[in-house]
Amino acid sequence: MNEFNECVHEVFSAAGDIIIKSMMGGYLVYLNGKLIGDICANELF
């Protein structure tokens, strides 16, 4: 995981269980088991 992903993990961990999985050339962000975003080229969508 890169520095941006670690920052996203730290910010969203206050809201619940955060998981960042490498998929589709980027990363998918799950909060409490639900997909909430996509990280691609150091941007969160």
N, C-alpha and C. Protein backbone atom coordinates (compact mmCIF):
# COMPACT_ATOMS: atom_id res chain seq x y z
N MET A 1 0.85 -1.18 0.00
CA MET A 1 0.00 0.00 0.00
C MET A 1 0.90 1.25 0.00
N ASN A 2 0.49 2.25 -0.75
CA ASN A 2 1.29 3.46 -0.82
C ASN A 2 0.86 4.47 0.26
N GLU A 3 1.54 5.60 0.27
CA GLU A 3 1.30 6.62 1.30
C GLU A 3 -0.13 7.18 1.23
N PHE A 4 -0.65 7.40 0.03
CA PHE A 4 -2.01 7.93 -0.12
C PHE A 4 -3.03 6.95 0.44
N ASN A 5 -2.86 5.67 0.15
CA ASN A 5 -3.77 4.64 0.66
C ASN A 5 -3.74 4.60 2.18
N GLU A 6 -2.58 4.73 2.77
CA GLU A 6 -2.46 4.73 4.22
C GLU A 6 -3.18 5.93 4.82
N CYS A 7 -3.11 7.07 4.15
CA CYS A 7 -3.80 8.28 4.62
C CYS A 7 -5.31 8.06 4.56
N VAL A 8 -5.81 7.50 3.46
CA VAL A 8 -7.25 7.22 3.32
C VAL A 8 -7.69 6.25 4.42
N HIS A 9 -6.88 5.22 4.66
CA HIS A 9 -7.20 4.23 5.69
C HIS A 9 -7.30 4.89 7.06
N GLU A 10 -6.36 5.75 7.35
CA GLU A 10 -6.34 6.42 8.65
C GLU A 10 -7.56 7.32 8.84
N VAL A 11 -7.94 8.07 7.81
CA VAL A 11 -9.06 9.00 7.89
C VAL A 11 -10.38 8.25 8.08
N PHE A 12 -10.61 7.20 7.28
CA PHE A 12 -11.89 6.49 7.33
C PHE A 12 -11.98 5.49 8.48
N SER A 13 -10.86 5.12 9.08
CA SER A 13 -10.91 4.15 10.18
C SER A 13 -11.67 4.69 11.39
N ALA A 14 -11.80 6.01 11.49
CA ALA A 14 -12.58 6.60 12.57
C ALA A 14 -14.07 6.29 12.42
N ALA A 15 -14.51 5.99 11.19
CA ALA A 15 -15.93 5.71 10.92
C ALA A 15 -16.28 4.24 11.06
N GLY A 16 -15.28 3.36 11.06
CA GLY A 16 -15.56 1.94 11.19
C GLY A 16 -14.42 1.11 10.62
N ASP A 17 -14.74 -0.14 10.30
CA ASP A 17 -13.76 -1.09 9.78
C ASP A 17 -13.49 -0.79 8.30
N ILE A 18 -12.26 -0.41 7.98
CA ILE A 18 -11.90 -0.04 6.60
C ILE A 18 -10.98 -1.09 6.01
N ILE A 19 -11.27 -1.49 4.78
CA ILE A 19 -10.44 -2.45 4.05
C ILE A 19 -10.16 -1.87 2.68
N ILE A 20 -8.89 -1.89 2.27
CA ILE A 20 -8.49 -1.42 0.94
C ILE A 20 -7.90 -2.60 0.20
N LYS A 21 -8.56 -2.99 -0.91
CA LYS A 21 -8.14 -4.15 -1.69
C LYS A 21 -7.62 -3.71 -3.06
N SER A 22 -6.53 -4.31 -3.48
CA SER A 22 -5.98 -4.04 -4.80
C SER A 22 -6.82 -4.78 -5.84
N MET A 23 -7.44 -4.02 -6.75
CA MET A 23 -8.26 -4.62 -7.81
C MET A 23 -8.34 -3.68 -9.00
N MET A 24 -8.47 -4.22 -10.18
CA MET A 24 -8.72 -3.47 -11.41
C MET A 24 -7.68 -2.39 -11.68
N GLY A 25 -6.43 -2.62 -11.33
CA GLY A 25 -5.39 -1.63 -11.56
C GLY A 25 -5.38 -0.49 -10.56
N GLY A 26 -6.26 -0.54 -9.60
CA GLY A 26 -6.33 0.47 -8.55
C GLY A 26 -6.67 -0.21 -7.24
N TYR A 27 -7.39 0.48 -6.40
CA TYR A 27 -7.76 -0.08 -5.10
C TYR A 27 -9.23 0.21 -4.84
N LEU A 28 -9.93 -0.75 -4.27
CA LEU A 28 -11.31 -0.56 -3.86
C LEU A 28 -11.33 -0.35 -2.36
N VAL A 29 -12.17 0.58 -1.89
CA VAL A 29 -12.24 0.93 -0.48
C VAL A 29 -13.58 0.46 0.07
N TYR A 30 -13.52 -0.37 1.10
CA TYR A 30 -14.72 -0.89 1.75
C TYR A 30 -14.79 -0.37 3.17
N LEU A 31 -15.98 0.09 3.58
CA LEU A 31 -16.23 0.53 4.95
C LEU A 31 -17.32 -0.36 5.52
N ASN A 32 -16.98 -1.07 6.58
CA ASN A 32 -17.91 -2.01 7.22
C ASN A 32 -18.50 -3.00 6.21
N GLY A 33 -17.66 -3.46 5.27
CA GLY A 33 -18.07 -4.46 4.30
C GLY A 33 -18.79 -3.94 3.07
N LYS A 34 -18.99 -2.63 2.98
CA LYS A 34 -19.68 -2.04 1.81
C LYS A 34 -18.70 -1.19 1.01
N LEU A 35 -18.77 -1.33 -0.31
CA LEU A 35 -17.92 -0.56 -1.20
C LEU A 35 -18.28 0.92 -1.12
N ILE A 36 -17.29 1.77 -0.81
CA ILE A 36 -17.58 3.20 -0.71
C ILE A 36 -16.76 4.03 -1.70
N GLY A 37 -15.73 3.44 -2.31
CA GLY A 37 -14.93 4.24 -3.22
C GLY A 37 -13.86 3.44 -3.94
N ASP A 38 -13.16 4.16 -4.82
CA ASP A 38 -12.11 3.59 -5.65
C ASP A 38 -10.93 4.55 -5.60
N ILE A 39 -9.74 4.01 -5.41
CA ILE A 39 -8.53 4.83 -5.44
C ILE A 39 -7.80 4.48 -6.73
N CYS A 40 -7.58 5.51 -7.55
CA CYS A 40 -6.88 5.34 -8.82
C CYS A 40 -6.00 6.57 -9.03
N ALA A 41 -4.73 6.34 -9.31
CA ALA A 41 -3.76 7.44 -9.55
C ALA A 41 -3.77 8.43 -8.39
N ASN A 42 -3.76 7.92 -7.18
CA ASN A 42 -3.75 8.72 -5.95
C ASN A 42 -4.91 9.70 -5.86
N GLU A 43 -6.07 9.30 -6.35
CA GLU A 43 -7.31 10.06 -6.20
C GLU A 43 -8.38 9.13 -5.69
N LEU A 44 -9.22 9.61 -4.78
CA LEU A 44 -10.31 8.84 -4.23
C LEU A 44 -11.61 9.23 -4.92
N PHE A 45 -12.25 8.25 -5.53
CA PHE A 45 -13.53 8.49 -6.23
C PHE A 45 -14.65 7.83 -5.45
